[in-house]
């Protein structure tokens, strides 16, 4: 029976029921229920239709011997320049570093980073320098490496600096999100260490906050606090500079298997773990009141540890389980139920780990908002997360300003107590991440230790810039720019067209040869300056031994003879 009431359609359904004793109702009064045909309100979100797509086979990396180490880590790290994968190696630990656009079969003779004496457990790229990567190993050390542009040309065994402060294997690395050269490490000795990589010094150590094995460490947005989860099932919020526990929540998840925690951009914390019935869980916590979780979602009963990957720009969380064939993704909002399931990517082969590309490396022209590098047994497979859009224009609503490569603070500023949010950049037009003048100044001031100091774990005191080195660099740049002017001046003489072209080639070859020779001399002079500075440090420490290499003055004579001849040749 149909009727109309208040402008809306309704259907009357008569359902026979059992007899009810009531003085106002007969013994068999039917119950009338009104069933509305109005559809439920669908939550509006830009990311409801995000879909995942694996790249074609020709764009994958094949024959990669992914590590079989028994550690619940991602085993992979990706930035806009390189892909790093921890691999199997005999006689120590090693990881592979390849250019981001590298694909196809990897030869067994491909050079690796192989300076550890035991298997590598974790690798992390520096967020403020795409050529710097840190590695943690079972040999109780953390090493920092500088990868040359274009990738490795030979095996790399000497790190920029070696950090030694743990007594057991180290499995967790976390770079500070806004301060340059600040690196956090955590090991199986229940210690959390904070290092100044520029000097190699251990600046803070948290030793009494965790009674058992640390599973996960995450910085908050401005790097003023960290959150940790431990084998005692507790979630802690810690001030790393004072070493004090600000908040603690016991039994975040009731299960005994490993947990993970990650700070969100608004200060909330998202955790993954297991229930008492071994069901995998996802929980959201408000740090202002941690008595109860804001939201809890139970998924399945798989044994793999869920690794959360958080994108602060879209407020999306991706969950990759080790041994799973799926990647789940959620959106975190301020509206109940706060954590909204979006979709999942499913494949036939399980994953042994995954790397998450930073937002500066995604393809904005294809509306790609995230990219994973899934580790198979012998393959690395890129997977793109894309929002379907028909327009070819830049989608500004999908790409808000994101954290750039420039740090907000120097290491000494953060150690002194300063905090600052990340410096944001726009992705419109495709963000190339070119270093700016401001970034160069930041890099020069807290300079990483030189390659020659990699064997020594003790920091070398920072010396003031040598006047000779500054003058050498200035002369080099001036001569290079002046050489281009000489080419232009010489080829404007009154010559025929063919003679002019020939003369241009001769002059250009001459200038290039001069520049090449000058660069080699400047490089040698720079090495000599470095040796002199080291000798100065020895003398200040009371060591009167003079290195025989320093007594040689041939480099300085060659340099000044070359400079004098160059200036005379060009009429100075």
Protein backbone atom coordinates (compact mmCIF):
# COMPACT_ATOMS: atom_id res chain seq x y z
CA UNK A 1 0.00 0.00 0.00
CA UNK A 2 1.47 3.33 -1.06
CA UNK A 3 0.77 6.71 0.41
CA UNK A 4 2.23 10.23 0.59
CA UNK A 5 3.20 11.91 3.81
CA UNK A 6 5.03 15.23 4.23
CA UNK A 7 6.16 15.14 0.63
CA UNK A 8 8.04 11.84 0.90
CA UNK A 9 7.21 8.34 -0.32
CA UNK A 10 6.71 5.57 2.17
CA UNK A 11 5.59 1.97 1.96
CA UNK A 12 3.25 0.38 4.47
CA UNK A 13 4.09 -3.23 5.25
CA UNK A 14 1.68 -5.34 7.31
CA UNK A 15 3.53 -8.05 9.23
CA UNK A 16 1.56 -10.67 11.22
CA UNK A 17 2.88 -11.12 14.75
CA UNK A 18 2.28 -13.24 17.79
CA UNK A 19 -0.56 -12.38 20.16
CA UNK A 20 0.27 -9.63 22.65
CA UNK A 21 -1.60 -9.11 25.92
CA UNK A 22 -2.42 -5.42 26.16
CA UNK A 23 -5.53 -3.62 27.26
CA UNK A 24 -5.35 -1.14 24.37
CA UNK A 25 -4.62 -3.74 21.67
CA UNK A 26 -6.61 -6.71 20.45
CA UNK A 27 -5.09 -10.16 20.75
CA UNK A 28 -3.80 -10.08 17.17
CA UNK A 29 -3.06 -6.42 16.39
CA UNK A 30 -0.63 -6.12 13.42
CA UNK A 31 2.54 -4.00 13.83
CA UNK A 32 2.98 -1.34 11.11
CA UNK A 33 6.56 -0.46 10.14
CA UNK A 34 7.50 2.37 7.77
CA UNK A 35 10.49 1.61 5.54
CA UNK A 36 12.10 4.69 3.94
CA UNK A 37 13.47 4.53 0.38
CA UNK A 38 15.80 7.49 0.93
CA UNK A 39 19.38 6.45 0.22
CA UNK A 40 22.05 6.85 2.88
CA UNK A 41 24.37 9.87 2.71
CA UNK A 42 27.72 8.97 1.14
CA UNK A 43 30.78 10.58 2.73
CA UNK A 44 32.41 13.09 0.40
CA UNK A 45 36.13 12.59 -0.17
CA UNK A 46 38.59 13.27 -2.98
CA UNK A 47 40.22 9.91 -2.31
CA UNK A 48 37.21 7.56 -2.33
CA UNK A 49 38.15 6.30 -5.80
CA UNK A 50 41.91 5.97 -5.39
CA UNK A 51 43.08 2.86 -7.21
CA UNK A 52 46.38 1.01 -7.18
CA UNK A 53 48.08 -0.29 -10.29
CA UNK A 54 51.29 -2.27 -10.60
CA UNK A 55 53.75 -1.22 -13.28
CA UNK A 56 54.42 -3.38 -16.29
CA UNK A 57 57.10 -6.05 -16.13
CA UNK A 58 59.57 -4.07 -18.25
CA UNK A 59 59.57 -1.30 -15.61
CA UNK A 60 60.34 -3.65 -12.69
CA UNK A 61 63.76 -4.52 -11.28
CA UNK A 62 64.57 -8.22 -11.63
CA UNK A 63 67.13 -10.60 -10.12
CA UNK A 64 67.43 -8.71 -6.84
CA UNK A 65 68.39 -11.04 -3.97
CA UNK A 66 66.19 -9.48 -1.28
CA UNK A 67 67.44 -10.07 2.26
CA UNK A 68 65.96 -12.93 4.28
CA UNK A 69 66.87 -11.39 7.63
CA UNK A 70 64.38 -12.09 10.43
CA UNK A 71 63.51 -8.48 11.20
CA UNK A 72 60.13 -6.80 10.79
CA UNK A 73 61.35 -3.86 8.73
CA UNK A 74 60.56 -2.51 5.26
CA UNK A 75 63.99 -3.61 3.84
CA UNK A 76 63.69 -0.82 1.27
CA UNK A 77 63.97 2.98 1.12
CA UNK A 78 63.12 5.25 -1.80
CA UNK A 79 63.60 8.95 -2.56
CA UNK A 80 63.25 11.01 -5.77
CA UNK A 81 66.76 9.96 -6.88
CA UNK A 82 67.49 6.42 -5.71
CA UNK A 83 66.05 3.09 -4.63
CA UNK A 84 67.87 1.24 -1.84
CA UNK A 85 67.18 -2.46 -1.16
CA UNK A 86 68.77 -4.62 1.54
CA UNK A 87 70.09 -7.77 -0.12
CA UNK A 88 71.63 -11.10 0.77
CA UNK A 89 75.42 -11.06 0.90
CA UNK A 90 78.09 -13.36 2.22
CA UNK A 91 80.62 -12.25 4.80
CA UNK A 92 78.74 -9.18 6.02
CA UNK A 93 75.84 -6.89 5.27
CA UNK A 94 75.13 -5.02 2.05
CA UNK A 95 72.43 -3.07 0.30
CA UNK A 96 71.85 -2.16 -3.31
CA UNK A 97 71.46 1.46 -4.48
CA UNK A 98 70.00 2.06 -7.94
CA UNK A 99 68.81 5.18 -9.77
CA UNK A 100 65.05 5.60 -9.45
CA UNK A 101 64.46 5.13 -13.17
CA UNK A 102 66.51 1.91 -13.29
CA UNK A 103 64.64 -1.16 -14.54
CA UNK A 104 65.32 -4.58 -15.99
CA UNK A 105 67.66 -7.33 -14.88
CA UNK A 106 70.33 -6.51 -12.31
CA UNK A 107 73.69 -8.10 -12.99
CA UNK A 108 75.33 -10.02 -10.16
CA UNK A 109 78.40 -7.79 -10.53
CA UNK A 110 76.40 -4.61 -9.79
CA UNK A 111 78.28 -2.62 -7.10
CA UNK A 112 76.77 -2.46 -3.63
CA UNK A 113 77.27 -0.61 -0.36
CA UNK A 114 79.04 -3.28 1.67
CA UNK A 115 80.78 -1.76 4.68
CA UNK A 116 78.97 -3.60 7.50
CA UNK A 117 80.38 -6.71 9.17
CA UNK A 118 76.91 -8.25 9.74
CA UNK A 119 73.51 -8.18 7.98
CA UNK A 120 71.88 -4.78 7.46
CA UNK A 121 68.49 -4.38 9.18
CA UNK A 122 67.32 -0.92 8.11
CA UNK A 123 68.16 1.87 5.66
CA UNK A 124 66.75 5.41 5.56
CA UNK A 125 67.39 8.31 3.18
CA UNK A 126 68.07 11.75 4.64
CA UNK A 127 65.04 13.99 3.97
CA UNK A 128 67.30 17.02 3.46
CA UNK A 129 69.86 15.51 1.06
CA UNK A 130 68.85 12.92 -1.53
CA UNK A 131 72.42 11.58 -1.73
CA UNK A 132 72.80 10.75 1.98
CA UNK A 133 71.60 7.41 3.38
CA UNK A 134 71.99 5.79 6.80
CA UNK A 135 72.17 2.06 7.45
CA UNK A 136 71.76 0.06 10.67
CA UNK A 137 73.19 -3.40 11.16
CA UNK A 138 73.52 -6.40 13.43
CA UNK A 139 77.16 -5.36 13.96
CA UNK A 140 75.85 -2.74 16.48
CA UNK A 141 76.85 0.22 14.29
CA UNK A 142 75.11 2.84 12.18
CA UNK A 143 76.90 4.11 9.10
CA UNK A 144 76.12 7.15 6.96
CA UNK A 145 76.96 7.05 3.25
CA UNK A 146 77.07 9.61 0.46
CA UNK A 147 75.91 8.17 -2.87
CA UNK A 148 77.27 9.98 -5.96
CA UNK A 149 74.88 11.35 -8.55
CA UNK A 150 74.09 8.67 -11.09
CA UNK A 151 74.63 5.81 -8.63
CA UNK A 152 77.56 3.63 -7.65
CA UNK A 153 80.41 2.96 -10.06
CA UNK A 154 82.15 0.50 -7.73
CA UNK A 155 81.68 -1.18 -4.33
CA UNK A 156 81.39 1.37 -1.51
CA UNK A 157 83.08 0.26 1.69
CA UNK A 158 84.06 3.53 3.40
CA UNK A 159 81.19 5.49 5.01
CA UNK A 160 81.14 9.21 5.61
CA UNK A 161 80.81 8.57 9.33
CA UNK A 162 80.31 5.57 11.62
CA UNK A 163 78.15 5.96 14.74
CA UNK A 164 78.98 3.61 17.60
CA UNK A 165 76.89 3.76 20.75
CA UNK A 166 74.77 0.60 20.88
CA UNK A 167 75.81 -2.65 22.53
CA UNK A 168 73.38 -4.84 20.55
CA UNK A 169 72.07 -4.89 17.00
CA UNK A 170 70.47 -1.71 15.69
CA UNK A 171 67.23 -2.06 13.73
CA UNK A 172 65.48 1.34 13.74
CA UNK A 173 66.52 4.58 12.00
CA UNK A 174 64.59 7.86 11.88
CA UNK A 175 65.91 11.17 10.50
CA UNK A 176 64.64 14.36 12.11
CA UNK A 177 61.91 15.84 9.87
CA UNK A 178 63.05 19.48 10.08
CA UNK A 179 66.55 19.69 11.64
CA UNK A 180 69.59 19.05 9.45
CA UNK A 181 71.96 16.18 10.37
CA UNK A 182 69.91 14.89 13.33
CA UNK A 183 69.47 11.09 13.27
CA UNK A 184 67.66 8.86 15.77
CA UNK A 185 68.59 5.22 16.26
CA UNK A 186 67.11 2.44 18.40
CA UNK A 187 68.51 -1.01 19.07
CA UNK A 188 67.91 -4.28 20.84
CA UNK A 189 69.71 -2.87 23.89
CA UNK A 190 66.50 -0.86 24.63
CA UNK A 191 68.35 2.42 23.99
CA UNK A 192 67.21 5.38 21.90
CA UNK A 193 70.14 7.49 20.68
CA UNK A 194 70.06 10.88 18.98
CA UNK A 195 73.13 11.81 16.91
CA UNK A 196 74.54 14.90 15.27
CA UNK A 197 75.76 13.32 12.05
CA UNK A 198 77.74 16.43 11.11
CA UNK A 199 80.11 15.92 14.04
CA UNK A 200 79.49 12.24 14.76
CA UNK A 201 78.54 13.06 18.36
CA UNK A 202 75.94 11.31 20.49
CA UNK A 203 73.92 14.28 21.74
CA UNK A 204 71.08 12.50 23.62
CA UNK A 205 70.51 8.99 24.94
CA UNK A 206 67.27 7.62 26.41
CA UNK A 207 68.11 4.52 28.40
CA UNK A 208 65.53 4.07 31.17
CA UNK A 209 62.21 4.63 29.39
CA UNK A 210 61.86 1.18 27.81
CA UNK A 211 62.09 -2.03 29.86
CA UNK A 212 62.05 -4.28 26.80
CA UNK A 213 62.61 -4.43 23.03
CA UNK A 214 61.58 -1.30 21.10
CA UNK A 215 59.36 -2.08 18.10
CA UNK A 216 58.91 1.35 16.52
CA UNK A 217 59.91 5.03 16.79
CA UNK A 218 58.31 8.00 15.02
CA UNK A 219 58.93 11.78 15.10
CA UNK A 220 56.05 14.24 15.28
CA UNK A 221 55.57 16.94 12.63
CA UNK A 222 58.07 19.51 14.00
CA UNK A 223 60.44 17.03 15.66
CA UNK A 224 59.77 18.15 19.22
CA UNK A 225 58.62 14.70 20.41
CA UNK A 226 58.75 11.02 19.49
CA UNK A 227 56.33 8.16 20.04
CA UNK A 228 57.51 4.61 20.70
CA UNK A 229 55.93 1.19 21.16
CA UNK A 230 57.67 -1.50 23.14
CA UNK A 231 57.37 -5.22 23.80
CA UNK A 232 55.61 -4.36 27.08
CA UNK A 233 52.60 -3.28 24.89
CA UNK A 234 52.89 0.36 26.00
CA UNK A 235 52.72 3.47 23.82
CA UNK A 236 54.96 6.31 25.01
CA UNK A 237 55.30 9.95 23.98
CA UNK A 238 58.81 11.16 24.85
CA UNK A 239 60.68 14.45 24.77
CA UNK A 240 63.98 13.32 23.18
CA UNK A 241 65.99 16.31 24.41
CA UNK A 242 65.04 15.95 28.07
CA UNK A 243 64.54 12.19 27.96
CA UNK A 244 61.24 12.44 29.85
CA UNK A 245 58.09 10.42 29.14
CA UNK A 246 55.28 12.89 28.48
CA UNK A 247 52.43 10.39 27.97
CA UNK A 248 52.10 6.64 28.36
CA UNK A 249 49.29 4.21 27.54
CA UNK A 250 49.51 0.64 28.77
CA UNK A 251 48.27 -2.23 26.58
CA UNK A 252 47.64 -0.37 23.36
CA UNK A 253 46.93 -3.76 21.77
CA UNK A 254 46.35 -6.93 23.77
CA UNK A 255 48.25 -9.24 21.43
CA UNK A 256 51.82 -10.31 22.02
CA UNK A 257 53.08 -9.82 18.47
CA UNK A 258 55.02 -6.69 17.37
CA UNK A 259 53.28 -3.33 17.07
CA UNK A 260 53.92 -0.14 15.13
CA UNK A 261 53.12 3.52 15.82
CA UNK A 262 53.29 6.66 13.70
CA UNK A 263 52.67 10.32 14.54
CA UNK A 264 50.06 12.09 12.39
CA UNK A 265 50.39 15.71 11.32
CA UNK A 266 47.72 16.91 13.79
CA UNK A 267 49.42 15.29 16.78
CA UNK A 268 47.33 12.12 16.92
CA UNK A 269 48.99 8.70 16.90
CA UNK A 270 48.03 5.72 14.77
CA UNK A 271 49.04 2.25 15.94
CA UNK A 272 48.87 -1.23 14.43
CA UNK A 273 48.98 -4.46 16.39
CA UNK A 274 47.10 -7.60 17.35
CA UNK A 275 44.12 -8.34 19.55
CA UNK A 276 43.98 -11.04 22.19
CA UNK A 277 42.45 -13.35 19.56
CA UNK A 278 45.37 -12.61 17.16
CA UNK A 279 43.26 -10.35 14.94
CA UNK A 280 45.21 -7.53 13.33
CA UNK A 281 44.08 -4.10 14.50
CA UNK A 282 44.38 -0.44 13.60
CA UNK A 283 43.82 2.15 16.36
CA UNK A 284 43.79 5.96 16.53
CA UNK A 285 44.81 7.79 19.71
CA UNK A 286 44.42 11.38 20.87
CA UNK A 287 47.51 12.40 22.84
CA UNK A 288 45.48 14.79 25.00
CA UNK A 289 43.39 11.87 26.33
CA UNK A 290 44.81 8.39 25.85
CA UNK A 291 42.41 6.60 28.19
CA UNK A 292 40.47 5.14 25.24
CA UNK A 293 41.22 4.99 21.51
CA UNK A 294 39.29 7.28 19.20
CA UNK A 295 38.77 4.43 16.74
CA UNK A 296 39.64 0.75 16.43
CA UNK A 297 39.35 -1.38 13.31
CA UNK A 298 39.89 -5.11 13.17
CA UNK A 299 40.93 -6.63 9.86
CA UNK A 300 41.94 -10.28 9.70
CA UNK A 301 43.88 -13.00 11.49
CA UNK A 302 47.06 -13.03 9.41
CA UNK A 303 50.41 -13.30 11.19
CA UNK A 304 52.26 -10.58 9.26
CA UNK A 305 53.17 -7.36 11.08
CA UNK A 306 51.32 -4.36 9.63
CA UNK A 307 53.74 -1.60 8.55
CA UNK A 308 51.99 1.82 8.43
CA UNK A 309 53.02 4.42 5.83
CA UNK A 310 51.57 7.87 6.46
CA UNK A 311 51.11 10.66 3.92
CA UNK A 312 50.64 13.97 5.80
CA UNK A 313 49.53 15.82 2.65
CA UNK A 314 46.47 13.65 2.00
CA UNK A 315 46.08 12.34 5.57
CA UNK A 316 46.02 8.81 4.19
CA UNK A 317 47.52 5.73 5.83
CA UNK A 318 48.68 2.69 3.88
CA UNK A 319 49.09 -0.67 5.62
CA UNK A 320 51.48 -3.24 4.17
CA UNK A 321 51.70 -6.57 5.96
CA UNK A 322 54.85 -8.65 5.61
CA UNK A 323 53.85 -11.84 3.84
CA UNK A 324 50.56 -10.33 2.66
CA UNK A 325 49.35 -10.01 -0.91
CA UNK A 326 47.38 -6.83 -0.18
CA UNK A 327 47.92 -3.14 0.59
CA UNK A 328 45.07 -1.48 2.49
CA UNK A 329 44.61 2.26 2.57
CA UNK A 330 42.56 4.48 4.86
CA UNK A 331 41.75 8.17 5.24
CA UNK A 332 41.94 9.83 8.65
CA UNK A 333 39.51 12.73 9.23
CA UNK A 334 38.08 14.78 12.09
CA UNK A 335 34.63 13.20 11.63
CA UNK A 336 33.50 10.02 13.34
CA UNK A 337 34.48 7.20 12.90
CA UNK A 338 37.74 9.11 12.16
CA UNK A 339 39.43 6.25 10.26
CA UNK A 340 37.68 5.48 6.96
CA UNK A 341 38.56 2.43 4.90
CA UNK A 342 39.00 3.35 1.22
CA UNK A 343 40.07 0.24 -0.65
CA UNK A 344 42.79 -2.37 -0.99
CA UNK A 345 45.23 -3.51 -3.62
CA UNK A 346 45.49 -7.25 -4.07
CA UNK A 347 48.04 -9.31 -5.99
CA UNK A 348 49.02 -12.96 -6.31
CA UNK A 349 52.50 -12.83 -4.78
CA UNK A 350 53.26 -11.91 -1.15
CA UNK A 351 55.47 -8.96 -0.27
CA UNK A 352 58.65 -9.24 1.78
CA UNK A 353 58.84 -5.50 2.35
CA UNK A 354 58.00 -2.20 0.71
CA UNK A 355 59.51 1.22 0.11
CA UNK A 356 57.40 4.40 0.16
CA UNK A 357 58.38 7.20 -2.22
CA UNK A 358 58.31 10.72 -0.82
CA UNK A 359 55.78 13.11 -2.32
CA UNK A 360 58.50 15.02 -4.19
CA UNK A 361 58.98 12.02 -6.47
CA UNK A 362 55.42 11.24 -7.59
CA UNK A 363 54.14 11.96 -11.10
CA UNK A 364 51.73 14.87 -10.70
CA UNK A 365 50.83 14.76 -14.39
CA UNK A 366 49.15 11.37 -13.88
CA UNK A 367 47.48 12.34 -10.57
CA UNK A 368 49.73 9.89 -8.73
CA UNK A 369 49.48 10.59 -5.00
CA UNK A 370 51.70 7.76 -3.73
CA UNK A 371 54.03 5.06 -5.00
CA UNK A 372 55.22 1.87 -3.38
CA UNK A 373 58.14 -0.34 -4.32
CA UNK A 374 57.00 -3.84 -3.43
CA UNK A 375 59.72 -6.39 -2.67
CA UNK A 376 59.21 -9.88 -4.03
CA UNK A 377 61.65 -12.72 -3.49
CA UNK A 378 63.80 -11.64 -6.45
CA UNK A 379 62.03 -8.58 -7.84
CA UNK A 380 61.16 -4.97 -7.03
CA UNK A 381 57.76 -3.91 -8.39
CA UNK A 382 56.54 -0.28 -8.41
CA UNK A 383 52.85 0.24 -7.54
CA UNK A 384 51.18 3.62 -8.18
CA UNK A 385 48.26 5.01 -6.18
CA UNK A 386 46.26 7.24 -8.53
CA UNK A 387 43.19 9.47 -8.27
CA UNK A 388 41.15 9.24 -11.51
CA UNK A 389 40.83 12.69 -13.06
CA UNK A 390 39.97 13.60 -16.65
CA UNK A 391 41.59 17.03 -16.70
CA UNK A 392 45.23 17.35 -17.77
CA UNK A 393 45.73 20.45 -15.60
CA UNK A 394 47.58 20.45 -12.30
CA UNK A 395 45.21 19.21 -9.59
CA UNK A 396 45.95 21.59 -6.74
CA UNK A 397 43.43 19.98 -4.39
CA UNK A 398 45.33 16.68 -4.58
CA UNK A 399 48.76 18.25 -4.10
CA UNK A 400 48.93 20.79 -1.28
CA UNK A 401 52.34 22.24 -0.50
CA UNK A 402 54.57 19.46 0.77
CA UNK A 403 57.77 19.26 2.82
CA UNK A 404 60.73 20.26 0.68
CA UNK A 405 64.37 19.28 0.79
CA UNK A 406 65.52 22.35 2.75
CA UNK A 407 65.76 21.90 6.54
CA UNK A 408 64.08 24.38 8.85
CA UNK A 409 66.80 24.25 11.49
CA UNK A 410 70.47 23.47 11.88
CA UNK A 411 71.50 20.70 14.24
CA UNK A 412 72.82 23.12 16.85
CA UNK A 413 69.55 25.10 16.76
CA UNK A 414 67.47 22.01 17.53
CA UNK A 415 69.88 20.89 20.23
CA UNK A 416 69.54 24.36 21.79
CA UNK A 417 65.78 23.82 22.11
CA UNK A 418 64.32 25.35 18.96
CA UNK A 419 61.47 23.74 16.99
CA UNK A 420 60.09 24.62 13.57
CA UNK A 421 57.60 23.11 11.12
CA UNK A 422 58.82 21.81 7.75
CA UNK A 423 59.52 24.26 4.94
CA UNK A 424 56.88 23.62 2.28
CA UNK A 425 57.21 23.69 -1.50
CA UNK A 426 54.69 23.54 -4.32
CA UNK A 427 54.44 20.58 -6.68
CA UNK A 428 52.82 22.54 -9.49
CA UNK A 429 54.64 21.98 -12.74
CA UNK A 430 56.54 19.02 -11.30
CA UNK A 431 58.86 19.63 -8.34
CA UNK A 432 62.48 18.99 -9.38
CA UNK A 433 64.02 19.59 -5.97
CA UNK A 434 66.88 21.78 -7.24
CA UNK A 435 69.14 22.91 -4.38
CA UNK A 436 68.90 26.59 -3.55
CA UNK A 437 71.51 29.03 -2.30
CA UNK A 438 69.99 28.86 1.18
CA UNK A 439 70.31 25.06 1.17
CA UNK A 440 73.96 25.26 0.10
CA UNK A 441 74.70 27.53 3.05
CA UNK A 442 73.00 25.10 5.41
CA UNK A 443 74.97 22.17 4.03
CA UNK A 444 78.32 23.95 4.28
CA UNK A 445 77.90 24.95 7.89
CA UNK A 446 77.18 21.50 9.48
CA UNK A 447 79.27 19.65 6.90
CA UNK A 448 79.32 15.86 7.03
CA UNK A 449 82.63 14.21 7.80
CA UNK A 450 84.91 13.56 4.84
CA UNK A 451 85.32 10.18 3.17
CA UNK A 452 88.79 9.86 4.63
CA UNK A 453 87.46 9.82 8.17
CA UNK A 454 85.12 6.88 7.68
CA UNK A 455 87.46 4.39 9.38
CA UNK A 456 87.51 6.34 12.62
CA UNK A 457 84.30 6.46 14.63
CA UNK A 458 85.49 9.43 16.69
CA UNK A 459 84.45 12.82 15.34
CA UNK A 460 87.03 15.16 13.82
CA UNK A 461 86.69 18.73 15.14
CA UNK A 462 85.24 21.14 12.62
CA UNK A 463 87.80 23.64 11.34
CA UNK A 464 87.17 27.08 9.91
CA UNK A 465 87.20 27.33 6.12
CA UNK A 466 90.76 27.73 4.86
CA UNK A 467 91.45 31.10 3.14
CA UNK A 468 93.55 29.26 0.55
CA UNK A 469 90.67 26.93 -0.28
CA UNK A 470 88.24 29.85 -0.59
CA UNK A 471 90.63 31.73 -2.86
CA UNK A 472 91.22 28.61 -4.95
CA UNK A 473 87.49 28.09 -5.52
CA UNK A 474 86.97 31.74 -6.42
CA UNK A 475 89.88 31.71 -8.88
CA UNK A 476 88.54 28.52 -10.48
CA UNK A 477 85.06 29.96 -11.02
CA UNK A 478 86.48 33.24 -12.30
CA UNK A 479 88.79 31.47 -14.76
CA UNK A 480 85.97 29.24 -16.02
CA UNK A 481 83.65 32.18 -16.63
CA UNK A 482 86.49 34.23 -18.10
CA UNK A 483 87.37 31.32 -20.41
CA UNK A 484 83.89 31.43 -21.93
CA UNK A 485 84.32 35.15 -22.52
CA UNK A 486 87.66 34.49 -24.23
CA UNK A 487 85.99 32.06 -26.63
CA UNK A 488 83.37 34.64 -27.54
CA UNK A 489 86.01 37.37 -27.92
CA UNK A 490 88.31 35.30 -30.13
CA UNK A 491 85.66 34.04 -32.52
CA UNK A 492 84.40 37.54 -33.28
CA UNK A 493 87.55 38.36 -35.24
CA UNK A 494 87.13 39.09 -38.97
CA UNK A 495 87.33 35.56 -40.35
CA UNK A 496 85.42 33.60 -42.95
CA UNK A 497 82.54 31.32 -41.99
CA UNK A 498 84.47 28.05 -42.34
CA UNK A 499 87.58 29.47 -40.70
CA UNK A 500 85.46 30.86 -37.89
CA UNK A 501 83.87 27.47 -37.15
CA UNK A 502 87.26 25.79 -37.19
CA UNK A 503 88.70 28.48 -34.96
CA UNK A 504 85.77 28.14 -32.56
CA UNK A 505 86.42 24.44 -32.16
CA UNK A 506 90.13 25.00 -31.58
CA UNK A 507 89.57 27.73 -29.01
CA UNK A 508 86.86 25.73 -27.25
CA UNK A 509 89.10 22.65 -27.06
CA UNK A 510 91.90 24.80 -25.67
CA UNK A 511 89.69 26.33 -22.99
CA UNK A 512 88.21 22.97 -22.01
CA UNK A 513 91.71 21.51 -21.68
CA UNK A 514 92.75 24.42 -19.49
CA UNK A 515 89.67 24.06 -17.30
CA UNK A 516 90.25 20.31 -16.95
CA UNK A 517 93.88 20.84 -15.96
CA UNK A 518 92.89 23.56 -13.52
CA UNK A 519 90.28 21.36 -11.88
CA UNK A 520 92.80 18.57 -11.34
CA UNK A 521 95.23 21.01 -9.74
CA UNK A 522 92.49 22.49 -7.54
CA UNK A 523 91.43 19.00 -6.46
CA UNK A 524 94.99 18.12 -5.50
CA UNK A 525 95.33 21.42 -3.66
CA UNK A 526 92.11 20.70 -1.76
CA UNK A 527 93.50 17.34 -0.67
CA UNK A 528 96.66 19.06 0.52
CA UNK A 529 94.61 21.57 2.52
CA UNK A 530 92.73 18.72 4.15
CA UNK A 531 96.02 17.06 5.15
CA UNK A 532 97.31 20.33 6.60
CA UNK A 533 94.14 20.80 8.63
CA UNK A 534 94.45 17.29 10.03
CA UNK A 535 98.08 17.95 10.95
CA UNK A 536 97.00 21.15 12.69
CA UNK A 537 94.55 19.15 14.80
CA UNK A 538 97.34 16.72 15.73
CA UNK A 539 99.66 19.57 16.76
CA UNK A 540 96.91 21.13 18.89
CA UNK A 541 96.42 17.74 20.57
CA UNK A 542 100.14 17.55 21.38
CA UNK A 543 101.26 15.16 18.64
CA UNK A 544 104.43 16.59 17.05
CA UNK A 545 104.71 13.89 14.35
CA UNK A 546 104.80 15.46 10.88
CA UNK A 547 103.22 13.47 8.07
CA UNK A 548 105.82 13.14 5.26
CA UNK A 549 103.13 13.94 2.69
CA UNK A 550 102.72 17.40 4.18
CA UNK A 551 106.39 18.28 3.68
CA UNK A 552 105.95 18.12 -0.07
CA UNK A 553 105.31 21.53 -1.63
CA UNK A 554 105.07 20.44 -5.25
CA UNK A 555 101.28 20.89 -5.27
CA UNK A 556 101.47 24.52 -4.22
CA UNK A 557 104.27 25.25 -6.73
CA UNK A 558 102.32 23.62 -9.56
CA UNK A 559 99.20 25.52 -8.65
CA UNK A 560 100.79 28.96 -8.54
CA UNK A 561 102.88 28.28 -11.67
CA UNK A 562 99.73 27.28 -13.51
CA UNK A 563 97.83 30.35 -12.27
CA UNK A 564 100.70 32.69 -13.23
CA UNK A 565 101.00 31.23 -16.74
CA UNK A 566 97.24 31.39 -17.23
CA UNK A 567 97.05 35.06 -16.21
CA UNK A 568 100.03 36.01 -18.43
CA UNK A 569 98.56 34.16 -21.41
CA UNK A 570 95.37 36.19 -21.22
CA UNK A 571 97.00 39.56 -20.57
CA UNK A 572 96.41 40.03 -16.85
